[in-house]
Protein backbone atom coordinates (compact mmCIF):
# COMPACT_ATOMS: atom_id res chain seq x y z
CA MET A 1 9.83 38.68 -21.94
CA ILE A 2 8.22 35.57 -22.86
CA LYS A 3 5.10 33.99 -21.76
CA LEU A 4 5.88 30.53 -20.47
CA SER A 5 2.64 28.27 -19.71
CA PHE A 6 1.85 24.93 -18.89
CA PHE A 7 -1.28 23.45 -20.33
CA LEU A 8 -3.39 20.39 -18.81
CA PHE A 9 -5.46 18.51 -21.85
CA ILE A 10 -8.81 17.92 -20.47
CA GLY A 11 -10.61 15.23 -23.02
CA SER A 12 -10.51 16.18 -26.65
CA ARG A 13 -11.73 19.77 -26.68
CA TYR A 14 -10.81 21.22 -23.35
CA LEU A 15 -7.36 22.79 -22.34
CA LEU A 16 -7.12 23.92 -18.71
CA THR A 17 -3.81 26.31 -18.06
CA ILE A 18 -2.16 24.74 -15.21
CA PHE A 19 0.52 27.53 -14.89
CA SER A 20 1.50 30.75 -16.84
CA HIS A 21 4.70 32.91 -15.52
CA ASN A 22 6.54 35.63 -17.72
CA VAL A 23 10.01 34.57 -18.05
CA LYS A 24 13.09 36.74 -19.47
CA LYS A 25 14.31 35.59 -23.09
CA MET A 26 18.00 34.35 -22.87
CA ALA A 27 20.08 33.31 -25.45
CA VAL A 28 21.47 30.32 -24.63
CA PRO A 29 24.26 29.10 -26.79
CA MET A 30 24.49 25.38 -28.01
CA LYS A 31 26.97 23.07 -27.29
CA ARG A 32 27.38 20.19 -30.11
CA LYS A 33 28.33 17.17 -28.95
CA LYS A 34 31.21 15.57 -30.45
CA ASN A 35 31.06 12.54 -31.92
CA PRO A 36 34.35 10.54 -29.89
CA THR A 37 34.33 7.59 -32.67
CA GLN A 38 34.02 10.12 -35.08
CA GLU A 39 31.55 7.27 -37.21
CA GLN A 40 31.04 7.70 -40.96
CA GLN A 41 27.59 6.97 -42.39
CA ILE A 42 27.53 5.16 -45.95
CA LEU A 43 24.17 4.85 -47.57
CA ILE A 44 23.97 1.60 -50.22
CA GLN A 45 20.64 2.87 -52.44
CA TYR A 46 20.02 1.90 -55.53
CA ASP A 47 17.28 4.05 -58.28
CA LEU A 48 15.01 1.80 -60.27
CA ASP A 49 13.17 3.47 -63.18
CA GLY A 50 13.91 6.91 -61.81
CA TYR A 51 11.76 6.56 -58.47
CA GLY A 52 14.20 7.77 -55.92
CA PRO A 53 16.56 6.12 -53.44
CA ALA A 54 15.71 3.36 -51.50
CA SER A 55 17.75 0.71 -49.81
CA VAL A 56 18.95 -2.23 -51.22
CA SER A 57 18.42 -5.73 -50.48
CA VAL A 58 21.48 -7.92 -49.13
CA ASP A 59 20.67 -10.35 -51.66
CA GLY A 60 20.03 -7.93 -54.13
CA TYR A 61 23.81 -7.82 -55.05
CA ASN A 62 23.61 -11.40 -56.93
CA ARG A 63 20.85 -9.73 -58.97
CA GLU A 64 22.55 -7.60 -62.41
CA TYR A 65 19.77 -4.98 -62.51
CA VAL A 66 20.67 -4.29 -58.58
CA ARG A 67 23.99 -3.94 -59.04
CA GLU A 68 23.63 -1.66 -62.53
CA SER A 69 20.73 0.45 -60.71
CA VAL A 70 23.47 1.37 -57.14
CA ILE A 71 23.93 5.48 -56.60
CA ALA A 72 27.71 6.39 -57.15
CA PRO A 73 28.95 2.22 -56.80
CA ASP A 74 32.57 3.56 -57.84
CA GLU A 75 32.79 6.16 -54.90
CA LEU A 76 35.49 5.45 -52.62
CA VAL A 77 33.78 5.46 -49.42
CA ILE A 78 36.44 3.65 -47.40
CA PRO A 79 40.21 4.60 -48.05
CA GLU A 80 41.48 1.83 -45.87
CA GLU A 81 42.74 -1.31 -47.53
CA GLU A 82 41.71 -3.82 -44.64
CA ILE A 83 38.22 -3.36 -42.34
CA THR A 84 35.85 -5.89 -40.20
CA ILE A 85 32.21 -5.71 -40.48
CA ARG A 86 30.25 -7.00 -37.89
CA PHE A 87 27.46 -8.98 -38.25
CA THR A 88 24.53 -8.89 -35.70
CA TYR A 89 20.98 -8.87 -36.85
CA PRO A 90 19.44 -11.34 -37.35
CA LEU A 91 21.82 -13.70 -35.57
CA SER A 92 22.26 -14.92 -31.56
CA THR A 93 25.93 -14.43 -31.88
CA LYS A 94 28.16 -11.14 -32.95
CA GLU A 95 30.27 -11.71 -35.76
CA GLU A 96 33.39 -10.33 -37.29
CA PHE A 97 34.79 -10.86 -40.35
CA THR A 98 37.80 -9.31 -42.03
CA TYR A 99 38.06 -7.98 -45.59
CA ILE A 100 40.99 -6.68 -47.74
CA GLN A 101 40.50 -4.66 -50.55
CA LYS A 102 43.70 -2.61 -52.60
CA GLY A 103 42.82 0.70 -52.55
CA GLY A 104 40.55 0.69 -50.44
CA PHE A 105 36.54 -0.05 -51.03
CA THR A 106 33.90 1.38 -52.89
CA ARG A 107 30.76 1.16 -52.06
CA MET A 108 29.82 -1.59 -54.45
CA ASP A 109 32.86 -2.98 -52.90
CA LEU A 110 31.18 -2.66 -49.40
CA TYR A 111 27.99 -3.74 -51.00
CA ARG A 112 29.49 -7.14 -52.06
CA CYS A 113 31.46 -7.72 -48.56
CA ILE A 114 28.16 -7.57 -46.92
CA TYR A 115 26.36 -10.15 -49.26
CA GLU A 116 29.44 -12.53 -49.18
CA GLY A 117 29.49 -12.10 -45.43
CA TYR A 118 25.90 -12.74 -44.93
CA THR A 119 25.98 -15.42 -47.72
CA GLU A 120 28.48 -17.15 -45.82
CA ILE A 121 26.49 -17.06 -42.58
CA TYR A 122 23.26 -18.47 -43.94
CA THR A 123 25.16 -21.34 -45.72
CA VAL A 124 27.10 -22.23 -42.99
CA GLU A 125 23.61 -22.47 -40.72
CA GLU A 126 21.97 -24.67 -43.26
CA GLU A 127 24.64 -27.00 -43.54
CA ALA A 128 24.52 -27.20 -39.49
CA VAL A 129 20.89 -27.61 -39.13
CA GLY A 130 18.92 -27.01 -42.04
CA ASP A 131 16.16 -25.25 -43.06
CA LEU A 132 13.55 -25.11 -40.19
CA GLY A 133 10.73 -23.33 -41.84
CA THR A 134 8.52 -20.36 -40.94
CA TYR A 135 6.71 -20.02 -37.79
CA GLU A 136 2.37 -21.18 -38.41
CA MET A 137 0.63 -18.43 -40.00
CA LEU A 138 3.66 -16.33 -40.07
CA TYR A 139 6.38 -15.65 -42.74
CA ASN A 140 9.47 -15.16 -39.74
CA ARG A 141 11.90 -18.10 -40.03
CA ARG A 142 12.16 -20.09 -37.02
CA THR A 143 15.26 -19.62 -34.73
CA SER A 144 17.67 -22.23 -35.43
CA ASP A 145 20.28 -23.37 -32.82
CA GLY A 146 23.11 -23.60 -35.09
CA PRO A 147 26.50 -21.78 -35.02
CA TYR A 148 24.68 -18.15 -35.69
CA GLY A 149 21.45 -18.72 -33.76
CA ILE A 150 19.67 -17.15 -37.09
CA TRP A 151 16.37 -15.95 -35.91
CA GLY A 152 13.04 -14.16 -37.44
CA HIS A 153 14.29 -13.68 -41.15
CA TYR A 154 16.03 -15.73 -44.26
CA LEU A 155 18.45 -13.86 -46.23
CA ASP A 156 16.11 -12.23 -48.88
CA ASP A 157 14.39 -10.47 -46.28
CA LEU A 158 17.29 -8.35 -45.33
CA VAL A 159 17.87 -4.73 -46.14
CA ILE A 160 20.70 -2.52 -45.47
CA GLU A 161 19.41 0.12 -44.11
CA PHE A 162 22.73 2.26 -43.70
CA VAL A 163 26.38 1.44 -42.67
CA ARG A 164 28.68 3.07 -39.91
CA TYR A 165 32.43 3.13 -40.42
CA ASN A 166 34.61 3.76 -37.68
CA PRO A 167 37.82 4.79 -39.14
CA LYS A 168 40.09 4.46 -36.17
CA THR A 169 38.69 0.67 -35.38
CA GLN A 170 38.54 0.57 -39.12
CA CYS A 171 35.41 -1.56 -38.01
CA VAL A 172 31.86 -1.45 -40.22
CA ARG A 173 28.88 -1.67 -38.16
CA LEU A 174 25.51 -2.46 -40.49
CA ALA A 175 22.14 -1.18 -39.67
CA ILE A 176 19.98 -4.29 -41.18
CA GLY A 177 16.16 -3.99 -41.76
CA SER A 178 13.81 -6.47 -43.10
């Protein structure tokens, strides 16, 4: 038997018991939900000067010291030779680009593809509408009305938090922070 109690907090110091009842302790098997898509999470992190893993910036790929510090860069993370990467943040549209890599994609190959995709998006946007600058008294990029409708952030603000890969659809979804 265990005692099940419900409490009501009154102010910062007082506790009022509003219900208390003895119940039989029962073992209930937990059922794990299966991931129907069987997505795999892939981390692209680096370790500078031994401080531990940290998320990489998207445009960090163009810096040699960042590429040299990526953890397990040669690990094959996607065995398929063709993938689609979905770019959604910070875009007003959802864009998908297809990439082909003979022998599959290592962590560094995936990082390169993400960098190339975002570089293409930002280059096309800037050619179409120019750099609109930031909002007054903020660092946030103004929203553009170009082909991708980029809002809130420049390329050098973006960080790869993690990547999800679905082997069935061969699609990569990005978790991008700023």
